[in-house]
Amino acid sequence: MSAPTGPVAFFTAHPASVNESYFQHMRFAFSFAGMLFLAGAAALVHAIFPALCQTTASRLVRKMNDRLTRRH
């Protein structure tokens, strides 16, 4: 099977390069975006209230790094 070309490749080339379908890649990217959002929110809370969320952002970043390094 050859690699898709044209407009379809815009959506499928990168996911295929990491051995995922378009929807598998979308799910992974959405989950990653959610974790980034939560880490950012925790960092903002910590900036205002230093006693809160002391390790939340760094823990989430480490978890994201682990997910990326274990991937395929």
C-alpha atoms as a PDB file:
ATOM      1  CA  MET A   1       0.000   0.000   0.000  1.00  0.00           C
ATOM      2  CA  SER A   2       1.458   3.358  -0.992  1.00  0.00           C
ATOM      3  CA  ALA A   3       1.396   6.482   1.121  1.00  0.00           C
ATOM      4  CA  PRO A   4      -1.600   8.744   0.537  1.00  0.00           C
ATOM      5  CA  THR A   5      -1.053  11.870  -1.527  1.00  0.00           C
ATOM      6  CA  GLY A   6      -2.991  15.058  -2.048  1.00  0.00           C
ATOM      7  CA  PRO A   7      -5.414  16.550   0.465  1.00  0.00           C
ATOM      8  CA  VAL A   8      -5.846  13.275   2.359  1.00  0.00           C
ATOM      9  CA  ALA A   9      -2.113  13.167   3.150  1.00  0.00           C
ATOM     10  CA  PHE A  10      -2.466  16.456   5.014  1.00  0.00           C
ATOM     11  CA  PHE A  11      -4.512  14.571   7.627  1.00  0.00           C
ATOM     12  CA  THR A  12      -2.948  11.125   7.509  1.00  0.00           C
ATOM     13  CA  ALA A  13       0.784  11.432   6.782  1.00  0.00           C
ATOM     14  CA  HIS A  14       1.920  12.372  10.275  1.00  0.00           C
ATOM     15  CA  PRO A  15      -0.318   9.886  12.127  1.00  0.00           C
ATOM     16  CA  ALA A  16       0.959   7.161   9.797  1.00  0.00           C
ATOM     17  CA  SER A  17       4.553   8.167  10.589  1.00  0.00           C
ATOM     18  CA  VAL A  18       3.917   7.247  14.236  1.00  0.00           C
ATOM     19  CA  ASN A  19       1.989   4.086  13.321  1.00  0.00           C
ATOM     20  CA  GLU A  20      -1.433   5.460  14.207  1.00  0.00           C
ATOM     21  CA  SER A  21      -4.648   6.007  12.344  1.00  0.00           C
ATOM     22  CA  TYR A  22      -6.037   9.516  12.060  1.00  0.00           C
ATOM     23  CA  PHE A  23      -8.507   8.869  14.905  1.00  0.00           C
ATOM     24  CA  GLN A  24      -5.952   7.142  17.146  1.00  0.00           C
ATOM     25  CA  HIS A  25      -3.687  10.146  16.725  1.00  0.00           C
ATOM     26  CA  MET A  26      -6.588  12.532  17.369  1.00  0.00           C
ATOM     27  CA  ARG A  27      -7.412  10.733  20.619  1.00  0.00           C
ATOM     28  CA  PHE A  28      -3.784  10.847  21.777  1.00  0.00           C
ATOM     29  CA  ALA A  29      -3.448  14.540  20.857  1.00  0.00           C
ATOM     30  CA  PHE A  30      -6.721  15.477  22.591  1.00  0.00           C
ATOM     31  CA  SER A  31      -5.680  13.640  25.759  1.00  0.00           C
ATOM     32  CA  PHE A  32      -2.298  15.358  25.647  1.00  0.00           C
ATOM     33  CA  ALA A  33      -3.966  18.755  25.165  1.00  0.00           C
ATOM     34  CA  GLY A  34      -6.192  18.069  28.172  1.00  0.00           C
ATOM     35  CA  MET A  35      -3.202  17.214  30.326  1.00  0.00           C
ATOM     36  CA  LEU A  36      -1.402  20.370  29.165  1.00  0.00           C
ATOM     37  CA  PHE A  37      -4.479  22.420  30.022  1.00  0.00           C
ATOM     38  CA  LEU A  38      -4.662  20.879  33.508  1.00  0.00           C
ATOM     39  CA  ALA A  39      -0.939  21.392  34.096  1.00  0.00           C
ATOM     40  CA  GLY A  40      -1.243  25.035  33.035  1.00  0.00           C
ATOM     41  CA  ALA A  41      -4.254  25.580  35.278  1.00  0.00           C
ATOM     42  CA  ALA A  42      -2.432  24.001  38.218  1.00  0.00           C
ATOM     43  CA  ALA A  43       0.579  26.247  37.605  1.00  0.00           C
ATOM     44  CA  LEU A  44      -1.680  29.320  37.557  1.00  0.00           C
ATOM     45  CA  VAL A  45      -3.350  28.284  40.812  1.00  0.00           C
ATOM     46  CA  HIS A  46       0.076  27.649  42.356  1.00  0.00           C
ATOM     47  CA  ALA A  47       1.316  31.073  41.201  1.00  0.00           C
ATOM     48  CA  ILE A  48      -1.483  32.787  43.111  1.00  0.00           C
ATOM     49  CA  PHE A  49      -1.722  30.361  46.049  1.00  0.00           C
ATOM     50  CA  PRO A  50       1.737  28.821  46.564  1.00  0.00           C
ATOM     51  CA  ALA A  51       0.445  26.337  49.136  1.00  0.00           C
ATOM     52  CA  LEU A  52      -1.833  24.729  46.514  1.00  0.00           C
ATOM     53  CA  CYS A  53      -0.916  22.456  43.602  1.00  0.00           C
ATOM     54  CA  GLN A  54       2.723  22.354  44.668  1.00  0.00           C
ATOM     55  CA  THR A  55       3.629  19.340  42.526  1.00  0.00           C
ATOM     56  CA  THR A  56       0.654  18.966  40.186  1.00  0.00           C
ATOM     57  CA  ALA A  57       2.067  20.685  37.093  1.00  0.00           C
ATOM     58  CA  SER A  58       5.485  19.011  37.314  1.00  0.00           C
ATOM     59  CA  ARG A  59       3.876  15.599  37.940  1.00  0.00           C
ATOM     60  CA  LEU A  60       1.665  15.976  34.872  1.00  0.00           C
ATOM     61  CA  VAL A  61       4.620  17.082  32.731  1.00  0.00           C
ATOM     62  CA  ARG A  62       6.595  14.017  33.861  1.00  0.00           C
ATOM     63  CA  LYS A  63       3.608  11.797  33.055  1.00  0.00           C
ATOM     64  CA  MET A  64       3.343  13.335  29.580  1.00  0.00           C
ATOM     65  CA  ASN A  65       7.061  12.818  29.019  1.00  0.00           C
ATOM     66  CA  ASP A  66       6.748   9.169  30.041  1.00  0.00           C
ATOM     67  CA  ARG A  67       3.875   8.690  27.599  1.00  0.00           C
ATOM     68  CA  LEU A  68       5.869  10.233  24.770  1.00  0.00           C
ATOM     69  CA  THR A  69       9.049   8.245  25.421  1.00  0.00           C
ATOM     70  CA  ARG A  70       7.157   4.915  25.689  1.00  0.00           C
ATOM     71  CA  ARG A  71       5.230   5.545  22.497  1.00  0.00           C
ATOM     72  CA  HIS A  72       5.849   3.054  19.680  1.00  0.00           C
END
